Amino acid sequence: MSNPNEVKLPMASSLQQIVGALLFGADHPLTVEDIRACLTSVAETAEEGEGETLKLFAEASPREIGDAVASIAKELERLGLGIEVADMNSGFRFQTQPCCGRWVRNLLKADRPNRLSRPALETLAIIAYRQPIARSEIESIRGVAVDHIVKALMELHLIRIVGRSELPGRPFLYGTTPTFLDHFGLSTLKELNELDPTLQRSKISERKAVHTREKKKSDAEQSAEGEPQAKGAPEPSAAVKEILGGAAQENAEPLYEA
């Protein structure tokens, strides 16, 4: 029996209303599956008289939830409230529009975010468009050592080690991270091709084939010359040295703009 003194909360009138509340209240981007799981969980704990309505929301399909998110985004754009729905790699979230950034930073007493330097952006762009890629390839393209820049980009979680090449010495291969996508407002790496039609991302299968093919050629050359083939992984010290890059050199390229 229900308590007569208990305040009865109104029921949400639409799926869009619920989805909007979830996006606003979440402390992390929500996927369609996150939203569906929440709708199902609430329906399972429904009180008397609420079951049918909550069940209808719980039966919402992924497409219906996606349409609700799209409708919210369209409505926010129409109203011009300075808020938008961002489709991140890890899900959907509410965020302030970039054009309002200076006022939001002032309100939060936040410093202007550091901008990556040109050398850092060049290195990051090469990795993004040519991944998986070895450090030696990056240096071949840029014409300078990138130890310091690669180490710093890894500390910022913008790039990571995604594997090892089959070339002699088995150097590390680098690629971007989900943080990279979030930082630049991308949902997938495919969107890189849309940023500049003159730049097209290399296919991962082709990049892997290059490293495998070059290794086989190198092995054949070594056999022809009678040199012993390299066996096993390199010494751990070499691996650690490649990741950490040692102490930053005095003439190392800057990570951030001055």
C-alpha atoms as a PDB file:
ATOM      1  CA  MET A   1       0.000   0.000   0.000  1.00  0.00           C
ATOM      2  CA  SER A   2       1.395   3.383  -0.954  1.00  0.00           C
ATOM      3  CA  ASN A   3       2.075   6.091   1.596  1.00  0.00           C
ATOM      4  CA  PRO A   4      -0.558   8.868   1.284  1.00  0.00           C
ATOM      5  CA  ASN A   5       2.021  11.436   2.426  1.00  0.00           C
ATOM      6  CA  GLU A   6       4.493  10.450  -0.271  1.00  0.00           C
ATOM      7  CA  VAL A   7       4.957  13.007  -3.007  1.00  0.00           C
ATOM      8  CA  LYS A   8       4.194  11.523  -6.416  1.00  0.00           C
ATOM      9  CA  LEU A   9       6.731  12.556  -9.028  1.00  0.00           C
ATOM     10  CA  PRO A  10       5.447  13.216 -12.552  1.00  0.00           C
ATOM     11  CA  MET A  11       6.279  10.698 -15.247  1.00  0.00           C
ATOM     12  CA  ALA A  12       8.534  11.662 -18.137  1.00  0.00           C
ATOM     13  CA  SER A  13       6.453  12.355 -21.216  1.00  0.00           C
ATOM     14  CA  SER A  14       8.881  11.266 -23.928  1.00  0.00           C
ATOM     15  CA  LEU A  15      11.994   9.252 -24.653  1.00  0.00           C
ATOM     16  CA  GLN A  16      13.715  12.455 -25.747  1.00  0.00           C
ATOM     17  CA  GLN A  17      13.086  13.967 -22.323  1.00  0.00           C
ATOM     18  CA  ILE A  18      14.687  10.988 -20.569  1.00  0.00           C
ATOM     19  CA  VAL A  19      17.684  10.851 -22.901  1.00  0.00           C
ATOM     20  CA  GLY A  20      18.300  14.562 -22.415  1.00  0.00           C
ATOM     21  CA  ALA A  21      18.253  14.160 -18.629  1.00  0.00           C
ATOM     22  CA  LEU A  22      20.669  11.226 -18.795  1.00  0.00           C
ATOM     23  CA  LEU A  23      23.138  13.136 -20.970  1.00  0.00           C
ATOM     24  CA  PHE A  24      22.960  16.123 -18.647  1.00  0.00           C
ATOM     25  CA  GLY A  25      23.385  14.096 -15.460  1.00  0.00           C
ATOM     26  CA  ALA A  26      26.135  11.745 -16.673  1.00  0.00           C
ATOM     27  CA  ASP A  27      29.752  12.362 -15.685  1.00  0.00           C
ATOM     28  CA  HIS A  28      31.039  10.646 -18.843  1.00  0.00           C
ATOM     29  CA  PRO A  29      29.914  10.232 -22.468  1.00  0.00           C
ATOM     30  CA  LEU A  30      27.018   7.784 -22.842  1.00  0.00           C
ATOM     31  CA  THR A  31      26.663   5.227 -25.596  1.00  0.00           C
ATOM     32  CA  VAL A  32      23.316   4.041 -26.934  1.00  0.00           C
ATOM     33  CA  GLU A  33      23.832   0.798 -25.015  1.00  0.00           C
ATOM     34  CA  ASP A  34      24.412   2.733 -21.778  1.00  0.00           C
ATOM     35  CA  ILE A  35      21.082   4.497 -22.248  1.00  0.00           C
ATOM     36  CA  ARG A  36      19.261   1.251 -23.104  1.00  0.00           C
ATOM     37  CA  ALA A  37      20.703  -0.452 -20.021  1.00  0.00           C
ATOM     38  CA  CYS A  38      19.450   2.392 -17.833  1.00  0.00           C
ATOM     39  CA  LEU A  39      15.956   2.277 -19.345  1.00  0.00           C
ATOM     40  CA  THR A  40      15.784  -1.492 -18.817  1.00  0.00           C
ATOM     41  CA  SER A  41      17.032  -1.291 -15.227  1.00  0.00           C
ATOM     42  CA  VAL A  42      14.439   1.314 -14.271  1.00  0.00           C
ATOM     43  CA  ALA A  43      11.644  -0.743 -15.839  1.00  0.00           C
ATOM     44  CA  GLU A  44      12.676  -3.772 -13.781  1.00  0.00           C
ATOM     45  CA  THR A  45      12.263  -1.822 -10.535  1.00  0.00           C
ATOM     46  CA  ALA A  46       8.964  -0.186 -11.482  1.00  0.00           C
ATOM     47  CA  GLU A  47       6.407   0.522  -8.761  1.00  0.00           C
ATOM     48  CA  GLU A  48       2.748  -0.338  -8.949  1.00  0.00           C
ATOM     49  CA  GLY A  49       0.947   1.471 -11.730  1.00  0.00           C
ATOM     50  CA  GLU A  50       4.127   2.531 -13.538  1.00  0.00           C
ATOM     51  CA  GLY A  51       5.089  -0.751 -15.176  1.00  0.00           C
ATOM     52  CA  GLU A  52       3.425  -0.279 -18.549  1.00  0.00           C
ATOM     53  CA  THR A  53       4.810   3.207 -19.165  1.00  0.00           C
ATOM     54  CA  LEU A  54       8.338   2.319 -18.071  1.00  0.00           C
ATOM     55  CA  LYS A  55       8.217  -0.860 -20.133  1.00  0.00           C
ATOM     56  CA  LEU A  56       7.502   1.184 -23.255  1.00  0.00           C
ATOM     57  CA  PHE A  57      10.606   3.281 -22.655  1.00  0.00           C
ATOM     58  CA  ALA A  58      12.659   0.146 -21.965  1.00  0.00           C
ATOM     59  CA  GLU A  59      11.625  -1.319 -25.321  1.00  0.00           C
ATOM     60  CA  ALA A  60      13.136   1.610 -27.216  1.00  0.00           C
ATOM     61  CA  SER A  61      15.381   0.407 -30.040  1.00  0.00           C
ATOM     62  CA  PRO A  62      18.927   1.688 -30.638  1.00  0.00           C
ATOM     63  CA  ARG A  63      17.618   3.592 -33.639  1.00  0.00           C
ATOM     64  CA  GLU A  64      14.906   5.307 -31.571  1.00  0.00           C
ATOM     65  CA  ILE A  65      17.472   6.336 -28.945  1.00  0.00           C
ATOM     66  CA  GLY A  66      19.771   7.616 -31.678  1.00  0.00           C
ATOM     67  CA  ASP A  67      16.888   9.606 -33.169  1.00  0.00           C
ATOM     68  CA  ALA A  68      16.177  11.089 -29.724  1.00  0.00           C
ATOM     69  CA  VAL A  69      19.793  12.222 -29.394  1.00  0.00           C
ATOM     70  CA  ALA A  70      19.724  13.707 -32.911  1.00  0.00           C
ATOM     71  CA  SER A  71      16.479  15.529 -32.125  1.00  0.00           C
ATOM     72  CA  ILE A  72      17.996  17.030 -28.968  1.00  0.00           C
ATOM     73  CA  ALA A  73      21.065  18.173 -30.912  1.00  0.00           C
ATOM     74  CA  LYS A  74      18.891  19.767 -33.584  1.00  0.00           C
ATOM     75  CA  GLU A  75      16.748  21.560 -31.016  1.00  0.00           C
ATOM     76  CA  LEU A  76      19.789  22.929 -29.164  1.00  0.00           C
ATOM     77  CA  GLU A  77      21.191  24.226 -32.447  1.00  0.00           C
ATOM     78  CA  ARG A  78      17.891  25.928 -33.238  1.00  0.00           C
ATOM     79  CA  LEU A  79      17.675  27.611 -29.839  1.00  0.00           C
ATOM     80  CA  GLY A  80      21.289  28.766 -29.862  1.00  0.00           C
ATOM     81  CA  LEU A  81      21.859  28.179 -26.154  1.00  0.00           C
ATOM     82  CA  GLY A  82      25.623  27.756 -26.362  1.00  0.00           C
ATOM     83  CA  ILE A  83      25.298  24.041 -25.663  1.00  0.00           C
ATOM     84  CA  GLU A  84      25.593  21.161 -28.093  1.00  0.00           C
ATOM     85  CA  VAL A  85      25.534  17.375 -28.192  1.00  0.00           C
ATOM     86  CA  ALA A  86      28.962  16.031 -29.082  1.00  0.00           C
ATOM     87  CA  ASP A  87      29.286  12.625 -30.732  1.00  0.00           C
ATOM     88  CA  MET A  88      32.540  11.442 -29.204  1.00  0.00           C
ATOM     89  CA  ASN A  89      34.393   8.218 -29.827  1.00  0.00           C
ATOM     90  CA  SER A  90      33.213   6.988 -26.420  1.00  0.00           C
ATOM     91  CA  GLY A  91      29.589   8.143 -26.679  1.00  0.00           C
ATOM     92  CA  PHE A  92      27.385  11.248 -26.547  1.00  0.00           C
ATOM     93  CA  ARG A  93      27.729  14.165 -24.136  1.00  0.00           C
ATOM     94  CA  PHE A  94      26.599  17.733 -23.599  1.00  0.00           C
ATOM     95  CA  GLN A  95      29.310  20.360 -23.959  1.00  0.00           C
ATOM     96  CA  THR A  96      29.568  24.108 -24.338  1.00  0.00           C
ATOM     97  CA  GLN A  97      30.151  25.429 -27.832  1.00  0.00           C
ATOM     98  CA  PRO A  98      33.729  26.514 -28.660  1.00  0.00           C
ATOM     99  CA  CYS A  99      32.561  30.053 -29.476  1.00  0.00           C
ATOM    100  CA  CYS A 100      31.640  30.518 -25.806  1.00  0.00           C
ATOM    101  CA  GLY A 101      34.933  29.172 -24.470  1.00  0.00           C
ATOM    102  CA  ARG A 102      36.448  32.491 -23.309  1.00  0.00           C
ATOM    103  CA  TRP A 103      33.505  33.252 -21.023  1.00  0.00           C
ATOM    104  CA  VAL A 104      33.342  29.728 -19.624  1.00  0.00           C
ATOM    105  CA  ARG A 105      37.078  29.776 -18.873  1.00  0.00           C
ATOM    106  CA  ASN A 106      36.713  33.138 -17.120  1.00  0.00           C
ATOM    107  CA  LEU A 107      33.817  31.855 -15.009  1.00  0.00           C
ATOM    108  CA  LEU A 108      35.721  28.723 -14.006  1.00  0.00           C
ATOM    109  CA  LYS A 109      38.957  30.681 -13.504  1.00  0.00           C
ATOM    110  CA  ALA A 110      40.595  28.272 -15.925  1.00  0.00           C
ATOM    111  CA  ASP A 111      43.756  29.123 -17.807  1.00  0.00           C
ATOM    112  CA  ARG A 112      43.772  29.077 -21.574  1.00  0.00           C
ATOM    113  CA  PRO A 113      44.682  25.522 -22.630  1.00  0.00           C
ATOM    114  CA  ASN A 114      48.191  25.077 -23.977  1.00  0.00           C
ATOM    115  CA  ARG A 115      48.354  24.708 -27.726  1.00  0.00           C
ATOM    116  CA  LEU A 116      50.593  22.074 -29.216  1.00  0.00           C
ATOM    117  CA  SER A 117      53.598  23.494 -31.055  1.00  0.00           C
ATOM    118  CA  ARG A 118      53.962  23.127 -34.810  1.00  0.00           C
ATOM    119  CA  PRO A 119      56.577  20.325 -34.471  1.00  0.00           C
ATOM    120  CA  ALA A 120      54.269  18.445 -32.091  1.00  0.00           C
ATOM    121  CA  LEU A 121      51.285  18.859 -34.427  1.00  0.00           C
ATOM    122  CA  GLU A 122      53.341  17.728 -37.423  1.00  0.00           C
ATOM    123  CA  THR A 123      54.483  14.617 -35.562  1.00  0.00           C
ATOM    124  CA  LEU A 124      50.952  13.886 -34.349  1.00  0.00           C
ATOM    125  CA  ALA A 125      49.527  14.360 -37.857  1.00  0.00           C
ATOM    126  CA  ILE A 126      52.055  11.939 -39.351  1.00  0.00           C
ATOM    127  CA  ILE A 127      51.136   9.314 -36.744  1.00  0.00           C
ATOM    128  CA  ALA A 128      47.401   9.893 -37.207  1.00  0.00           C
ATOM    129  CA  TYR A 129      47.486   9.561 -41.008  1.00  0.00           C
ATOM    130  CA  ARG A 130      50.177   6.873 -41.311  1.00  0.00           C
ATOM    131  CA  GLN A 131      49.506   4.659 -38.273  1.00  0.00           C
ATOM    132  CA  PRO A 132      50.757   2.162 -37.361  1.00  0.00           C
ATOM    133  CA  ILE A 133      54.144   3.812 -37.848  1.00  0.00           C
ATOM    134  CA  ALA A 134      57.644   3.367 -36.464  1.00  0.00           C
ATOM    135  CA  ARG A 135      59.614   6.234 -34.975  1.00  0.00           C
ATOM    136  CA  SER A 136      62.283   5.904 -37.666  1.00  0.00           C
ATOM    137  CA  GLU A 137      59.631   6.526 -40.339  1.00  0.00           C
ATOM    138  CA  ILE A 138      58.453   9.665 -38.550  1.00  0.00           C
ATOM    139  CA  GLU A 139      62.024  10.944 -38.385  1.00  0.00           C
ATOM    140  CA  SER A 140      62.532  10.110 -42.062  1.00  0.00           C
ATOM    141  CA  ILE A 141      59.504  12.241 -42.997  1.00  0.00           C
ATOM    142  CA  ARG A 142      60.280  15.162 -40.672  1.00  0.00           C
ATOM    143  CA  GLY A 143      64.041  15.052 -41.053  1.00  0.00           C
ATOM    144  CA  VAL A 144      64.688  15.563 -37.330  1.00  0.00           C
ATOM    145  CA  ALA A 145      64.798  13.420 -34.173  1.00  0.00           C
ATOM    146  CA  VAL A 146      61.387  13.044 -32.519  1.00  0.00           C
ATOM    147  CA  ASP A 147      62.300  11.265 -29.275  1.00  0.00           C
ATOM    148  CA  HIS A 148      61.203  14.144 -27.045  1.00  0.00           C
ATOM    149  CA  ILE A 149      57.993  14.863 -28.979  1.00  0.00           C
ATOM    150  CA  VAL A 150      56.907  11.203 -29.075  1.00  0.00           C
ATOM    151  CA  LYS A 151      57.550  10.816 -25.354  1.00  0.00           C
ATOM    152  CA  ALA A 152      55.520  13.955 -24.571  1.00  0.00           C
ATOM    153  CA  LEU A 153      52.603  12.914 -26.815  1.00  0.00           C
ATOM    154  CA  MET A 154      52.501   9.576 -25.020  1.00  0.00           C
ATOM    155  CA  GLU A 155      52.422  11.316 -21.636  1.00  0.00           C
ATOM    156  CA  LEU A 156      49.451  13.362 -22.898  1.00  0.00           C
ATOM    157  CA  HIS A 157      47.775  10.063 -23.931  1.00  0.00           C
ATOM    158  CA  LEU A 158      47.376  11.316 -27.495  1.00  0.00           C
ATOM    159  CA  ILE A 159      49.396   8.404 -28.915  1.00  0.00           C
ATOM    160  CA  ARG A 160      50.251   4.904 -27.735  1.00  0.00           C
ATOM    161  CA  ILE A 161      52.228   1.845 -28.718  1.00  0.00           C
ATOM    162  CA  VAL A 162      49.983  -0.355 -30.851  1.00  0.00           C
ATOM    163  CA  GLY A 163      52.421  -3.140 -31.687  1.00  0.00           C
ATOM    164  CA  ARG A 164      55.888  -3.968 -32.946  1.00  0.00           C
ATOM    165  CA  SER A 165      57.253  -4.015 -36.453  1.00  0.00           C
ATOM    166  CA  GLU A 166      58.698  -7.192 -37.915  1.00  0.00           C
ATOM    167  CA  LEU A 167      61.696  -5.252 -39.193  1.00  0.00           C
ATOM    168  CA  PRO A 168      65.105  -6.117 -37.719  1.00  0.00           C
ATOM    169  CA  GLY A 169      65.202  -4.876 -34.139  1.00  0.00           C
ATOM    170  CA  ARG A 170      61.394  -4.973 -33.991  1.00  0.00           C
ATOM    171  CA  PRO A 171      60.824  -1.244 -33.328  1.00  0.00           C
ATOM    172  CA  PHE A 172      57.627  -0.092 -31.678  1.00  0.00           C
ATOM    173  CA  LEU A 173      54.686   1.013 -33.833  1.00  0.00           C
ATOM    174  CA  TYR A 174      52.699   4.048 -32.735  1.00  0.00           C
ATOM    175  CA  GLY A 175      49.050   4.979 -33.182  1.00  0.00           C
ATOM    176  CA  THR A 176      46.496   7.419 -31.788  1.00  0.00           C
ATOM    177  CA  THR A 177      44.234   6.929 -28.762  1.00  0.00           C
ATOM    178  CA  PRO A 178      40.568   7.602 -27.896  1.00  0.00           C
ATOM    179  CA  THR A 179      41.850  10.710 -26.087  1.00  0.00           C
ATOM    180  CA  PHE A 180      43.161  11.959 -29.440  1.00  0.00           C
ATOM    181  CA  LEU A 181      39.675  11.641 -30.930  1.00  0.00           C
ATOM    182  CA  ASP A 182      38.059  13.414 -27.969  1.00  0.00           C
ATOM    183  CA  HIS A 183      40.663  16.192 -28.007  1.00  0.00           C
ATOM    184  CA  PHE A 184      40.062  17.023 -31.670  1.00  0.00           C
ATOM    185  CA  GLY A 185      36.300  16.406 -31.594  1.00  0.00           C
ATOM    186  CA  LEU A 186      36.360  13.333 -33.827  1.00  0.00           C
ATOM    187  CA  SER A 187      34.098  10.306 -33.496  1.00  0.00           C
ATOM    188  CA  THR A 188      36.211   7.998 -35.682  1.00  0.00           C
ATOM    189  CA  LEU A 189      39.532   8.116 -37.514  1.00  0.00           C
ATOM    190  CA  LYS A 190      37.629   8.070 -40.814  1.00  0.00           C
ATOM    191  CA  GLU A 191      36.753  11.717 -40.228  1.00  0.00           C
ATOM    192  CA  LEU A 192      40.401  12.635 -40.746  1.00  0.00           C
ATOM    193  CA  ASN A 193      39.871  12.200 -44.491  1.00  0.00           C
ATOM    194  CA  GLU A 194      37.054  14.761 -44.383  1.00  0.00           C
ATOM    195  CA  LEU A 195      39.208  17.446 -42.724  1.00  0.00           C
ATOM    196  CA  ASP A 196      41.374  17.864 -45.817  1.00  0.00           C
ATOM    197  CA  PRO A 197      40.539  16.060 -49.079  1.00  0.00           C
ATOM    198  CA  THR A 198      44.202  16.315 -50.113  1.00  0.00           C
ATOM    199  CA  LEU A 199      45.209  14.176 -47.132  1.00  0.00           C
ATOM    200  CA  GLN A 200      43.995  10.611 -46.994  1.00  0.00           C
ATOM    201  CA  ARG A 201      44.696   8.230 -44.138  1.00  0.00           C
ATOM    202  CA  SER A 202      46.752   5.163 -44.959  1.00  0.00           C
ATOM    203  CA  LYS A 203      44.975   1.826 -44.693  1.00  0.00           C
ATOM    204  CA  ILE A 204      46.087  -0.106 -41.615  1.00  0.00           C
ATOM    205  CA  SER A 205      46.295  -3.334 -43.611  1.00  0.00           C
ATOM    206  CA  GLU A 206      48.686  -1.692 -46.084  1.00  0.00           C
ATOM    207  CA  ARG A 207      50.834  -0.274 -43.278  1.00  0.00           C
ATOM    208  CA  LYS A 208      51.111  -3.684 -41.617  1.00  0.00           C
ATOM    209  CA  ALA A 209      51.931  -5.308 -44.935  1.00  0.00           C
ATOM    210  CA  VAL A 210      54.804  -2.865 -45.462  1.00  0.00           C
ATOM    211  CA  HIS A 211      56.457  -3.877 -42.229  1.00  0.00           C
ATOM    212  CA  THR A 212      55.933  -7.587 -42.836  1.00  0.00           C
ATOM    213  CA  ARG A 213      57.110  -7.403 -46.445  1.00  0.00           C
ATOM    214  CA  GLU A 214      60.220  -5.410 -45.591  1.00  0.00           C
ATOM    215  CA  LYS A 215      61.175  -7.878 -42.880  1.00  0.00           C
ATOM    216  CA  LYS A 216      61.030 -10.820 -45.293  1.00  0.00           C
ATOM    217  CA  LYS A 217      63.198  -8.928 -47.772  1.00  0.00           C
ATOM    218  CA  SER A 218      65.690  -8.092 -45.064  1.00  0.00           C
ATOM    219  CA  ASP A 219      65.874 -11.724 -43.940  1.00  0.00           C
ATOM    220  CA  ALA A 220      66.563 -12.856 -47.505  1.00  0.00           C
ATOM    221  CA  GLU A 221      69.359 -10.319 -47.868  1.00  0.00           C
ATOM    222  CA  GLN A 222      70.909 -11.416 -44.591  1.00  0.00           C
ATOM    223  CA  SER A 223      70.793 -15.071 -45.650  1.00  0.00           C
ATOM    224  CA  ALA A 224      72.409 -14.248 -49.006  1.00  0.00           C
ATOM    225  CA  GLU A 225      75.236 -12.432 -47.255  1.00  0.00           C
ATOM    226  CA  GLY A 226      75.726 -15.276 -44.816  1.00  0.00           C
ATOM    227  CA  GLU A 227      74.941 -13.111 -41.796  1.00  0.00           C
ATOM    228  CA  PRO A 228      73.029 -14.653 -38.899  1.00  0.00           C
ATOM    229  CA  GLN A 229      69.424 -13.558 -38.662  1.00  0.00           C
ATOM    230  CA  ALA A 230      68.316 -11.643 -35.593  1.00  0.00           C
ATOM    231  CA  LYS A 231      66.422 -13.844 -33.181  1.00  0.00           C
ATOM    232  CA  GLY A 232      64.168 -12.893 -30.310  1.00  0.00           C
ATOM    233  CA  ALA A 233      63.170  -9.472 -29.032  1.00  0.00           C
ATOM    234  CA  PRO A 234      65.692  -6.687 -28.434  1.00  0.00           C
ATOM    235  CA  GLU A 235      67.091  -6.066 -24.998  1.00  0.00           C
ATOM    236  CA  PRO A 236      64.571  -4.477 -22.591  1.00  0.00           C
ATOM    237  CA  SER A 237      66.892  -1.533 -22.105  1.00  0.00           C
ATOM    238  CA  ALA A 238      66.530  -0.628 -25.787  1.00  0.00           C
ATOM    239  CA  ALA A 239      62.746  -0.802 -25.532  1.00  0.00           C
ATOM    240  CA  VAL A 240      62.703   1.390 -22.450  1.00  0.00           C
ATOM    241  CA  LYS A 241      65.050   3.835 -24.134  1.00  0.00           C
ATOM    242  CA  GLU A 242      62.734   4.135 -27.143  1.00  0.00           C
ATOM    243  CA  ILE A 243      59.668   4.771 -24.975  1.00  0.00           C
ATOM    244  CA  LEU A 244      61.240   7.243 -22.575  1.00  0.00           C
ATOM    245  CA  GLY A 245      63.660   8.811 -25.010  1.00  0.00           C
ATOM    246  CA  GLY A 246      66.070   9.708 -22.213  1.00  0.00           C
ATOM    247  CA  ALA A 247      66.505  13.230 -20.913  1.00  0.00           C
ATOM    248  CA  ALA A 248      65.274  16.049 -23.125  1.00  0.00           C
ATOM    249  CA  GLN A 249      68.034  17.648 -25.144  1.00  0.00           C
ATOM    250  CA  GLU A 250      68.700  21.364 -24.892  1.00  0.00           C
ATOM    251  CA  ASN A 251      67.831  21.884 -28.561  1.00  0.00           C
ATOM    252  CA  ALA A 252      64.784  19.599 -28.467  1.00  0.00           C
ATOM    253  CA  GLU A 253      61.708  20.909 -30.306  1.00  0.00           C
ATOM    254  CA  PRO A 254      59.070  22.478 -28.014  1.00  0.00           C
ATOM    255  CA  LEU A 255      55.859  20.636 -27.230  1.00  0.00           C
ATOM    256  CA  TYR A 256      53.716  23.748 -26.772  1.00  0.00           C
ATOM    257  CA  GLU A 257      53.567  27.115 -28.483  1.00  0.00           C
ATOM    258  CA  ALA A 258      55.470  29.860 -26.725  1.00  0.00           C
END
